[in-house]
Amino acid sequence: MHFPQQLEAILFWKAEPVSFKKLAALLNIDVETVKNGLDELENTLRGRGLTLVRTDEEAMLGTAKELSPLIEQLTKEELTKDLGKAGLETLSIILYQGPITRADIDYIRGVNSQFIVRNLLIRGLVERVENPKDARSFLYKTTLDLLSHLGISKIEELPEYAQVREDIDGFKRAQLDH
């Protein structure tokens, strides 16, 4: 497998911006080689449905700008659908546990939550913020729009918020003791 294909696979799998340093560490190469591989990947993707989006420090896969009207239409259709059980479950975890990493969400749910979290982000119900404890990951938290939609002014006004937090913290402590 060629190096640019490995970069493409990682960026597709992550579905979020990945730093050049992280890509270098994952592939056990230097950052300059990553940048060269990204240049090659960018050329390979020209004229296709995907494009490489990057800053000076990170990269991700995105949709080609020519397909923006199609993606906008699909997004509107997606936003009119119900959240579904998985969406509500994930949203509840973020409401009562946030800010929380996607890995922790996955652990609690027992399945990969990447698509669900992305859907919640698109709907503006949650937002992604930098993780102050680990620059390699992000935290997900509720938006003010969601709180407004729920008719509350702060997260602590959620039903049984204090009790749920206390129960979850107790569960976590019990897990650490084992």
N, C-alpha and C. Protein backbone atom coordinates (compact mmCIF):
# COMPACT_ATOMS: atom_id res chain seq x y z
N MET A 1 0.86 -1.18 0.00
CA MET A 1 0.00 0.00 0.00
C MET A 1 0.90 1.23 0.00
N HIS A 2 0.62 2.17 -0.87
CA HIS A 2 1.41 3.39 -0.97
C HIS A 2 1.13 4.32 0.20
N PHE A 3 2.11 5.10 0.54
CA PHE A 3 2.04 6.01 1.68
C PHE A 3 0.85 6.97 1.62
N PRO A 4 0.57 7.65 0.49
CA PRO A 4 -0.59 8.55 0.44
C PRO A 4 -1.91 7.82 0.70
N GLN A 5 -2.00 6.56 0.30
CA GLN A 5 -3.20 5.78 0.56
C GLN A 5 -3.36 5.53 2.06
N GLN A 6 -2.25 5.35 2.76
CA GLN A 6 -2.30 5.18 4.21
C GLN A 6 -2.81 6.47 4.87
N LEU A 7 -2.30 7.60 4.40
CA LEU A 7 -2.78 8.89 4.93
C LEU A 7 -4.28 9.05 4.67
N GLU A 8 -4.71 8.71 3.46
CA GLU A 8 -6.12 8.82 3.10
C GLU A 8 -6.97 7.94 4.02
N ALA A 9 -6.53 6.72 4.27
CA ALA A 9 -7.27 5.79 5.12
C ALA A 9 -7.39 6.34 6.55
N ILE A 10 -6.31 6.87 7.07
CA ILE A 10 -6.32 7.42 8.43
C ILE A 10 -7.27 8.61 8.51
N LEU A 11 -7.17 9.53 7.56
CA LEU A 11 -8.02 10.72 7.56
C LEU A 11 -9.49 10.35 7.39
N PHE A 12 -9.76 9.35 6.58
CA PHE A 12 -11.15 8.90 6.39
C PHE A 12 -11.67 8.29 7.68
N TRP A 13 -10.86 7.45 8.30
CA TRP A 13 -11.26 6.77 9.53
C TRP A 13 -11.48 7.75 10.67
N LYS A 14 -10.59 8.74 10.80
CA LYS A 14 -10.70 9.72 11.88
C LYS A 14 -11.90 10.65 11.68
N ALA A 15 -12.17 11.04 10.45
CA ALA A 15 -13.30 11.92 10.12
C ALA A 15 -13.27 13.23 10.89
N GLU A 16 -12.09 13.70 11.20
CA GLU A 16 -11.89 14.98 11.88
C GLU A 16 -10.45 15.41 11.61
N PRO A 17 -10.12 16.68 11.86
CA PRO A 17 -8.75 17.12 11.61
C PRO A 17 -7.74 16.31 12.42
N VAL A 18 -6.62 15.98 11.77
CA VAL A 18 -5.54 15.24 12.42
C VAL A 18 -4.26 16.04 12.21
N SER A 19 -3.52 16.24 13.28
CA SER A 19 -2.28 17.02 13.17
C SER A 19 -1.23 16.24 12.39
N PHE A 20 -0.35 16.97 11.74
CA PHE A 20 0.75 16.35 11.01
C PHE A 20 1.60 15.52 11.97
N LYS A 21 1.79 16.03 13.18
CA LYS A 21 2.57 15.30 14.19
C LYS A 21 1.93 13.96 14.52
N LYS A 22 0.60 13.96 14.65
CA LYS A 22 -0.12 12.72 14.96
C LYS A 22 0.00 11.74 13.80
N LEU A 23 -0.14 12.23 12.57
CA LEU A 23 0.01 11.36 11.40
C LEU A 23 1.42 10.77 11.35
N ALA A 24 2.42 11.60 11.64
CA ALA A 24 3.81 11.13 11.64
C ALA A 24 4.00 10.05 12.69
N ALA A 25 3.44 10.26 13.87
CA ALA A 25 3.57 9.28 14.95
C ALA A 25 2.87 7.97 14.59
N LEU A 26 1.67 8.07 14.00
CA LEU A 26 0.92 6.87 13.64
C LEU A 26 1.65 6.02 12.60
N LEU A 27 2.35 6.69 11.70
CA LEU A 27 3.03 5.99 10.61
C LEU A 27 4.53 5.82 10.85
N ASN A 28 4.99 6.31 12.01
CA ASN A 28 6.39 6.17 12.38
C ASN A 28 7.32 6.80 11.34
N ILE A 29 7.00 8.04 10.95
CA ILE A 29 7.79 8.78 9.98
C ILE A 29 7.92 10.22 10.46
N ASP A 30 8.67 11.05 9.73
CA ASP A 30 8.82 12.44 10.14
C ASP A 30 7.74 13.32 9.50
N VAL A 31 7.55 14.50 10.08
CA VAL A 31 6.50 15.42 9.65
C VAL A 31 6.69 15.86 8.20
N GLU A 32 7.91 16.05 7.78
CA GLU A 32 8.17 16.48 6.40
C GLU A 32 7.68 15.43 5.40
N THR A 33 7.87 14.16 5.73
CA THR A 33 7.39 13.08 4.86
C THR A 33 5.86 13.08 4.82
N VAL A 34 5.24 13.38 5.95
CA VAL A 34 3.77 13.49 5.98
C VAL A 34 3.32 14.60 5.04
N LYS A 35 3.96 15.76 5.12
CA LYS A 35 3.57 16.89 4.26
C LYS A 35 3.71 16.52 2.78
N ASN A 36 4.79 15.83 2.43
CA ASN A 36 4.99 15.41 1.04
C ASN A 36 3.91 14.41 0.62
N GLY A 37 3.58 13.49 1.52
CA GLY A 37 2.52 12.52 1.23
C GLY A 37 1.17 13.19 1.07
N LEU A 38 0.91 14.23 1.87
CA LEU A 38 -0.35 14.97 1.75
C LEU A 38 -0.41 15.71 0.42
N ASP A 39 0.72 16.24 -0.03
CA ASP A 39 0.76 16.89 -1.35
C ASP A 39 0.37 15.89 -2.45
N GLU A 40 0.92 14.69 -2.35
CA GLU A 40 0.62 13.65 -3.33
C GLU A 40 -0.85 13.23 -3.25
N LEU A 41 -1.36 13.09 -2.03
CA LEU A 41 -2.77 12.74 -1.84
C LEU A 41 -3.67 13.82 -2.42
N GLU A 42 -3.32 15.07 -2.19
CA GLU A 42 -4.10 16.18 -2.72
C GLU A 42 -4.19 16.10 -4.24
N ASN A 43 -3.08 15.80 -4.89
CA ASN A 43 -3.07 15.66 -6.35
C ASN A 43 -3.94 14.48 -6.81
N THR A 44 -3.87 13.39 -6.07
CA THR A 44 -4.64 12.19 -6.40
C THR A 44 -6.14 12.46 -6.31
N LEU A 45 -6.55 13.30 -5.37
CA LEU A 45 -7.97 13.56 -5.13
C LEU A 45 -8.57 14.58 -6.09
N ARG A 46 -7.76 15.27 -6.86
CA ARG A 46 -8.27 16.28 -7.79
C ARG A 46 -9.28 15.67 -8.75
N GLY A 47 -10.42 16.36 -8.92
CA GLY A 47 -11.45 15.90 -9.85
C GLY A 47 -12.31 14.79 -9.27
N ARG A 48 -12.17 14.52 -7.99
CA ARG A 48 -12.96 13.46 -7.35
C ARG A 48 -13.93 14.08 -6.35
N GLY A 49 -14.69 13.28 -5.65
CA GLY A 49 -15.70 13.76 -4.71
C GLY A 49 -15.13 14.25 -3.38
N LEU A 50 -13.90 13.86 -3.10
CA LEU A 50 -13.25 14.28 -1.87
C LEU A 50 -12.12 15.24 -2.17
N THR A 51 -11.78 16.03 -1.17
CA THR A 51 -10.64 16.93 -1.29
C THR A 51 -9.89 16.92 0.02
N LEU A 52 -8.64 17.30 -0.02
CA LEU A 52 -7.84 17.41 1.19
C LEU A 52 -7.95 18.84 1.70
N VAL A 53 -8.35 18.97 2.95
CA VAL A 53 -8.46 20.28 3.59
C VAL A 53 -7.36 20.33 4.63
N ARG A 54 -6.55 21.41 4.62
CA ARG A 54 -5.48 21.46 5.61
C ARG A 54 -5.09 22.88 5.98
N THR A 55 -4.51 22.96 7.16
CA THR A 55 -3.93 24.19 7.66
C THR A 55 -2.42 23.97 7.72
N ASP A 56 -1.73 24.82 8.44
CA ASP A 56 -0.28 24.66 8.59
C ASP A 56 0.08 23.48 9.49
N GLU A 57 -0.89 23.00 10.29
CA GLU A 57 -0.59 21.98 11.29
C GLU A 57 -1.43 20.72 11.22
N GLU A 58 -2.56 20.75 10.50
CA GLU A 58 -3.42 19.57 10.48
C GLU A 58 -4.14 19.43 9.15
N ALA A 59 -4.69 18.23 8.93
CA ALA A 59 -5.39 17.94 7.68
C ALA A 59 -6.61 17.07 7.96
N MET A 60 -7.54 17.11 7.02
CA MET A 60 -8.72 16.25 7.08
C MET A 60 -9.27 16.10 5.67
N LEU A 61 -10.13 15.12 5.49
CA LEU A 61 -10.81 14.96 4.22
C LEU A 61 -12.10 15.75 4.25
N GLY A 62 -12.44 16.33 3.12
CA GLY A 62 -13.68 17.08 3.00
C GLY A 62 -14.32 16.79 1.65
N THR A 63 -15.46 17.36 1.43
CA THR A 63 -16.17 17.19 0.17
C THR A 63 -15.68 18.24 -0.83
N ALA A 64 -15.52 17.83 -2.07
CA ALA A 64 -15.11 18.75 -3.12
C ALA A 64 -16.12 19.89 -3.23
N LYS A 65 -15.62 21.12 -3.41
CA LYS A 65 -16.51 22.28 -3.41
C LYS A 65 -17.57 22.21 -4.50
N GLU A 66 -17.29 21.53 -5.60
CA GLU A 66 -18.27 21.41 -6.68
C GLU A 66 -19.51 20.63 -6.25
N LEU A 67 -19.37 19.85 -5.18
CA LEU A 67 -20.48 19.04 -4.70
C LEU A 67 -21.22 19.67 -3.52
N SER A 68 -20.87 20.90 -3.20
CA SER A 68 -21.51 21.59 -2.07
C SER A 68 -23.04 21.62 -2.17
N PRO A 69 -23.63 21.93 -3.34
CA PRO A 69 -25.10 21.93 -3.40
C PRO A 69 -25.71 20.57 -3.06
N LEU A 70 -25.10 19.50 -3.52
CA LEU A 70 -25.59 18.16 -3.23
C LEU A 70 -25.50 17.87 -1.73
N ILE A 71 -24.36 18.18 -1.13
CA ILE A 71 -24.16 17.92 0.29
C ILE A 71 -25.10 18.79 1.13
N GLU A 72 -25.31 20.02 0.70
CA GLU A 72 -26.24 20.91 1.41
C GLU A 72 -27.66 20.33 1.40
N GLN A 73 -28.09 19.80 0.26
CA GLN A 73 -29.41 19.19 0.16
C GLN A 73 -29.50 17.97 1.07
N LEU A 74 -28.48 17.12 1.06
CA LEU A 74 -28.49 15.92 1.90
C LEU A 74 -28.48 16.29 3.38
N THR A 75 -27.75 17.33 3.73
CA THR A 75 -27.69 17.79 5.12
C THR A 75 -29.06 18.28 5.57
N LYS A 76 -29.73 19.05 4.73
CA LYS A 76 -31.07 19.53 5.08
C LYS A 76 -32.02 18.36 5.31
N GLU A 77 -31.94 17.35 4.44
CA GLU A 77 -32.80 16.17 4.60
C GLU A 77 -32.46 15.45 5.90
N GLU A 78 -31.19 15.33 6.21
CA GLU A 78 -30.76 14.64 7.43
C GLU A 78 -31.23 15.38 8.67
N LEU A 79 -31.20 16.70 8.62
CA LEU A 79 -31.57 17.49 9.78
C LEU A 79 -33.07 17.46 10.07
N THR A 80 -33.86 17.06 9.09
CA THR A 80 -35.30 16.98 9.32
C THR A 80 -35.72 15.64 9.92
N LYS A 81 -34.81 14.68 9.93
CA LYS A 81 -35.11 13.37 10.51
C LYS A 81 -35.02 13.42 12.02
N ASP A 82 -35.69 12.47 12.67
CA ASP A 82 -35.57 12.34 14.12
C ASP A 82 -34.15 11.92 14.47
N LEU A 83 -33.75 12.23 15.69
CA LEU A 83 -32.42 11.84 16.15
C LEU A 83 -32.27 10.33 16.26
N GLY A 84 -33.32 9.65 16.63
CA GLY A 84 -33.27 8.21 16.82
C GLY A 84 -32.72 7.87 18.20
N LYS A 85 -32.81 6.60 18.54
CA LYS A 85 -32.40 6.13 19.86
C LYS A 85 -30.91 6.38 20.10
N ALA A 86 -30.07 6.06 19.13
CA ALA A 86 -28.62 6.24 19.30
C ALA A 86 -28.26 7.72 19.47
N GLY A 87 -28.93 8.58 18.73
CA GLY A 87 -28.68 10.01 18.85
C GLY A 87 -29.08 10.55 20.21
N LEU A 88 -30.24 10.14 20.68
CA LEU A 88 -30.71 10.59 21.99
C LEU A 88 -29.82 10.05 23.11
N GLU A 89 -29.39 8.81 22.96
CA GLU A 89 -28.49 8.21 23.94
C GLU A 89 -27.18 8.98 24.02
N THR A 90 -26.61 9.26 22.87
CA THR A 90 -25.34 9.99 22.81
C THR A 90 -25.51 11.40 23.34
N LEU A 91 -26.59 12.05 22.96
CA LEU A 91 -26.85 13.40 23.45
C LEU A 91 -27.01 13.41 24.97
N SER A 92 -27.66 12.42 25.51
CA SER A 92 -27.82 12.33 26.97
C SER A 92 -26.47 12.16 27.66
N ILE A 93 -25.61 11.35 27.09
CA ILE A 93 -24.26 11.16 27.66
C ILE A 93 -23.52 12.48 27.67
N ILE A 94 -23.59 13.22 26.57
CA ILE A 94 -22.88 14.50 26.49
C ILE A 94 -23.51 15.52 27.46
N LEU A 95 -24.84 15.51 27.56
CA LEU A 95 -25.51 16.43 28.48
C LEU A 95 -25.08 16.18 29.93
N TYR A 96 -25.09 14.93 30.35
CA TYR A 96 -24.84 14.62 31.76
C TYR A 96 -23.36 14.38 32.08
N GLN A 97 -22.54 14.11 31.07
CA GLN A 97 -21.13 13.83 31.31
C GLN A 97 -20.18 14.84 30.70
N GLY A 98 -20.69 15.70 29.83
CA GLY A 98 -19.82 16.60 29.09
C GLY A 98 -19.17 17.65 29.96
N PRO A 99 -18.10 18.22 29.49
CA PRO A 99 -17.40 17.86 28.26
C PRO A 99 -16.77 16.46 28.38
N ILE A 100 -16.83 15.71 27.28
CA ILE A 100 -16.42 14.31 27.27
C ILE A 100 -15.76 13.98 25.94
N THR A 101 -14.78 13.08 25.96
CA THR A 101 -14.12 12.67 24.72
C THR A 101 -15.00 11.69 23.96
N ARG A 102 -14.75 11.58 22.67
CA ARG A 102 -15.51 10.61 21.89
C ARG A 102 -15.16 9.19 22.33
N ALA A 103 -13.92 8.97 22.74
CA ALA A 103 -13.53 7.64 23.22
C ALA A 103 -14.35 7.25 24.45
N ASP A 104 -14.59 8.21 25.35
CA ASP A 104 -15.40 7.93 26.53
C ASP A 104 -16.86 7.68 26.15
N ILE A 105 -17.35 8.42 25.17
CA ILE A 105 -18.72 8.20 24.68
C ILE A 105 -18.81 6.77 24.12
N ASP A 106 -17.83 6.39 23.30
CA ASP A 106 -17.80 5.05 22.72
C ASP A 106 -17.77 3.99 23.81
N TYR A 107 -16.98 4.23 24.85
CA TYR A 107 -16.86 3.28 25.95
C TYR A 107 -18.20 3.11 26.67
N ILE A 108 -18.85 4.22 26.95
CA ILE A 108 -20.14 4.16 27.66
C ILE A 108 -21.19 3.45 26.80
N ARG A 109 -21.23 3.78 25.52
CA ARG A 109 -22.24 3.19 24.64
C ARG A 109 -21.88 1.77 24.21
N GLY A 110 -20.60 1.46 24.19
CA GLY A 110 -20.16 0.13 23.77
C GLY A 110 -20.06 -0.04 22.27
N VAL A 111 -20.19 1.07 21.53
CA VAL A 111 -20.08 1.05 20.07
C VAL A 111 -19.42 2.35 19.60
N ASN A 112 -18.98 2.36 18.36
CA ASN A 112 -18.38 3.55 17.77
C ASN A 112 -19.47 4.60 17.58
N SER A 113 -19.22 5.79 18.09
CA SER A 113 -20.21 6.86 18.04
C SER A 113 -19.84 7.98 17.07
N GLN A 114 -18.87 7.74 16.23
CA GLN A 114 -18.36 8.76 15.33
C GLN A 114 -19.46 9.39 14.49
N PHE A 115 -20.30 8.58 13.85
CA PHE A 115 -21.34 9.10 12.98
C PHE A 115 -22.39 9.88 13.77
N ILE A 116 -22.76 9.34 14.93
CA ILE A 116 -23.78 9.99 15.75
C ILE A 116 -23.28 11.35 16.24
N VAL A 117 -22.03 11.40 16.73
CA VAL A 117 -21.47 12.67 17.22
C VAL A 117 -21.41 13.67 16.07
N ARG A 118 -21.00 13.21 14.90
CA ARG A 118 -20.94 14.09 13.74
C ARG A 118 -22.33 14.66 13.42
N ASN A 119 -23.35 13.82 13.50
CA ASN A 119 -24.71 14.24 13.25
C ASN A 119 -25.14 15.30 14.27
N LEU A 120 -24.79 15.10 15.53
CA LEU A 120 -25.13 16.08 16.57
C LEU A 120 -24.40 17.39 16.35
N LEU A 121 -23.15 17.31 15.87
CA LEU A 121 -22.38 18.52 15.55
C LEU A 121 -23.05 19.30 14.42
N ILE A 122 -23.43 18.58 13.37
CA ILE A 122 -24.06 19.21 12.21
C ILE A 122 -25.36 19.91 12.62
N ARG A 123 -26.09 19.30 13.51
CA ARG A 123 -27.37 19.87 13.97
C ARG A 123 -27.17 21.03 14.94
N GLY A 124 -25.94 21.26 15.39
CA GLY A 124 -25.67 22.35 16.30
C GLY A 124 -26.08 22.05 17.74
N LEU A 125 -26.25 20.77 18.06
CA LEU A 125 -26.66 20.39 19.40
C LEU A 125 -25.45 20.24 20.34
N VAL A 126 -24.32 19.87 19.77
CA VAL A 126 -23.08 19.76 20.55
C VAL A 126 -21.98 20.50 19.80
N GLU A 127 -20.91 20.80 20.52
CA GLU A 127 -19.77 21.43 19.88
C GLU A 127 -18.50 20.74 20.35
N ARG A 128 -17.48 20.85 19.52
CA ARG A 128 -16.19 20.24 19.82
C ARG A 128 -15.25 21.33 20.31
N VAL A 129 -14.58 21.05 21.43
CA VAL A 129 -13.62 22.00 21.99
C VAL A 129 -12.31 21.27 22.25
N GLU A 130 -11.23 22.04 22.35
CA GLU A 130 -9.93 21.42 22.61
C GLU A 130 -9.92 20.80 24.00
N ASN A 131 -9.22 19.69 24.11
CA ASN A 131 -9.07 19.01 25.38
C ASN A 131 -7.84 19.58 26.09
N PRO A 132 -8.00 20.30 27.20
CA PRO A 132 -6.86 20.91 27.88
C PRO A 132 -5.88 19.88 28.46
N LYS A 133 -6.36 18.64 28.67
CA LYS A 133 -5.50 17.60 29.24
C LYS A 133 -4.76 16.80 28.18
N ASP A 134 -5.23 16.87 26.91
CA ASP A 134 -4.63 16.07 25.85
C ASP A 134 -4.86 16.76 24.50
N ALA A 135 -3.82 17.37 23.99
CA ALA A 135 -3.94 18.13 22.74
C ALA A 135 -4.25 17.22 21.54
N ARG A 136 -4.16 15.90 21.73
CA ARG A 136 -4.42 14.98 20.63
C ARG A 136 -5.90 14.61 20.50
N SER A 137 -6.72 15.08 21.43
CA SER A 137 -8.14 14.73 21.37
C SER A 137 -9.00 15.97 21.63
N PHE A 138 -10.27 15.81 21.39
CA PHE A 138 -11.23 16.89 21.59
C PHE A 138 -12.25 16.46 22.63
N LEU A 139 -12.94 17.43 23.17
CA LEU A 139 -14.05 17.19 24.08
C LEU A 139 -15.32 17.64 23.39
N TYR A 140 -16.42 16.99 23.73
CA TYR A 140 -17.72 17.36 23.17
C TYR A 140 -18.60 17.84 24.31
N LYS A 141 -19.28 18.96 24.06
CA LYS A 141 -20.17 19.52 25.07
C LYS A 141 -21.41 20.07 24.39
N THR A 142 -22.42 20.32 25.18
CA THR A 142 -23.68 20.83 24.64
C THR A 142 -23.53 22.30 24.24
N THR A 143 -24.36 22.72 23.32
CA THR A 143 -24.35 24.12 22.89
C THR A 143 -25.40 24.91 23.66
N LEU A 144 -25.23 26.20 23.64
CA LEU A 144 -26.23 27.07 24.26
C LEU A 144 -27.57 26.95 23.54
N ASP A 145 -27.51 26.71 22.22
CA ASP A 145 -28.75 26.52 21.46
C ASP A 145 -29.54 25.32 21.98
N LEU A 146 -28.84 24.24 22.33
CA LEU A 146 -29.52 23.07 22.86
C LEU A 146 -30.16 23.39 24.20
N LEU A 147 -29.40 24.05 25.07
CA LEU A 147 -29.97 24.41 26.38
C LEU A 147 -31.21 25.28 26.20
N SER A 148 -31.13 26.23 25.29
CA SER A 148 -32.27 27.10 25.00
C SER A 148 -33.45 26.28 24.49
N HIS A 149 -33.18 25.36 23.59
CA HIS A 149 -34.23 24.51 23.04
C HIS A 149 -34.88 23.66 24.13
N LEU A 150 -34.08 23.22 25.11
CA LEU A 150 -34.61 22.42 26.22
C LEU A 150 -35.33 23.28 27.26
N GLY A 151 -35.20 24.60 27.11
CA GLY A 151 -35.87 25.51 28.02
C GLY A 151 -35.16 25.65 29.36
N ILE A 152 -33.85 25.45 29.35
CA ILE A 152 -33.07 25.62 30.58
C ILE A 152 -31.97 26.64 30.34
N SER A 153 -31.53 27.28 31.41
CA SER A 153 -30.50 28.31 31.25
C SER A 153 -29.12 27.80 31.61
N LYS A 154 -29.05 26.68 32.31
CA LYS A 154 -27.75 26.07 32.63
C LYS A 154 -27.93 24.58 32.77
N ILE A 155 -26.86 23.85 32.54
CA ILE A 155 -26.89 22.40 32.50
C ILE A 155 -27.41 21.78 33.79
N GLU A 156 -27.15 22.44 34.90
CA GLU A 156 -27.55 21.91 36.21
C GLU A 156 -29.08 21.84 36.37
N GLU A 157 -29.82 22.48 35.48
CA GLU A 157 -31.27 22.45 35.54
C GLU A 157 -31.88 21.21 34.88
N LEU A 158 -31.03 20.35 34.32
CA LEU A 158 -31.54 19.11 33.73
C LEU A 158 -32.19 18.26 34.82
N PRO A 159 -33.18 17.46 34.47
CA PRO A 159 -33.83 16.61 35.48
C PRO A 159 -32.83 15.71 36.20
N GLU A 160 -32.88 15.75 37.51
CA GLU A 160 -32.05 14.90 38.37
C GLU A 160 -30.56 14.99 38.05
N TYR A 161 -30.13 16.16 37.60
CA TYR A 161 -28.73 16.34 37.17
C TYR A 161 -27.74 15.97 38.28
N ALA A 162 -27.91 16.52 39.47
CA ALA A 162 -26.96 16.27 40.56
C ALA A 162 -26.91 14.78 40.91
N GLN A 163 -28.06 14.14 40.97
CA GLN A 163 -28.11 12.72 41.33
C GLN A 163 -27.46 11.86 40.25
N VAL A 164 -27.74 12.15 38.99
CA VAL A 164 -27.16 11.39 37.90
C VAL A 164 -25.64 11.53 37.91
N ARG A 165 -25.16 12.76 38.06
CA ARG A 165 -23.70 12.98 38.13
C ARG A 165 -23.07 12.22 39.29
N GLU A 166 -23.73 12.26 40.43
CA GLU A 166 -23.22 11.56 41.61
C GLU A 166 -23.18 10.04 41.36
N ASP A 167 -24.24 9.50 40.77
CA ASP A 167 -24.29 8.07 40.47
C ASP A 167 -23.18 7.68 39.48
N ILE A 168 -22.98 8.49 38.46
CA ILE A 168 -21.95 8.19 37.47
C ILE A 168 -20.57 8.28 38.10
N ASP A 169 -20.32 9.29 38.91
CA ASP A 169 -19.03 9.41 39.59
C ASP A 169 -18.77 8.22 40.50
N GLY A 170 -19.81 7.77 41.20
CA GLY A 170 -19.68 6.58 42.04
C GLY A 170 -19.35 5.34 41.23
N PHE A 171 -19.98 5.21 40.10
CA PHE A 171 -19.71 4.08 39.20
C PHE A 171 -18.26 4.12 38.72
N LYS A 172 -17.79 5.29 38.34
CA LYS A 172 -16.40 5.44 37.89
C LYS A 172 -15.42 5.06 38.99
N ARG A 173 -15.68 5.53 40.21
CA ARG A 173 -14.79 5.19 41.33
C ARG A 173 -14.78 3.69 41.58
N ALA A 174 -15.93 3.06 41.47
CA ALA A 174 -16.01 1.62 41.68
C ALA A 174 -15.23 0.87 40.60
N GLN A 175 -15.27 1.37 39.38
CA GLN A 175 -14.52 0.75 38.28
C GLN A 175 -13.02 0.85 38.51
N LEU A 176 -12.57 2.00 39.04
CA LEU A 176 -11.15 2.20 39.30
C LEU A 176 -10.66 1.32 40.44
N ASP A 177 -11.54 1.01 41.39
CA ASP A 177 -11.16 0.18 42.53
C ASP A 177 -10.98 -1.28 42.13
N HIS A 178 -11.60 -1.69 41.03
CA HIS A 178 -11.50 -3.08 40.61
C HIS A 178 -10.32 -3.30 39.77
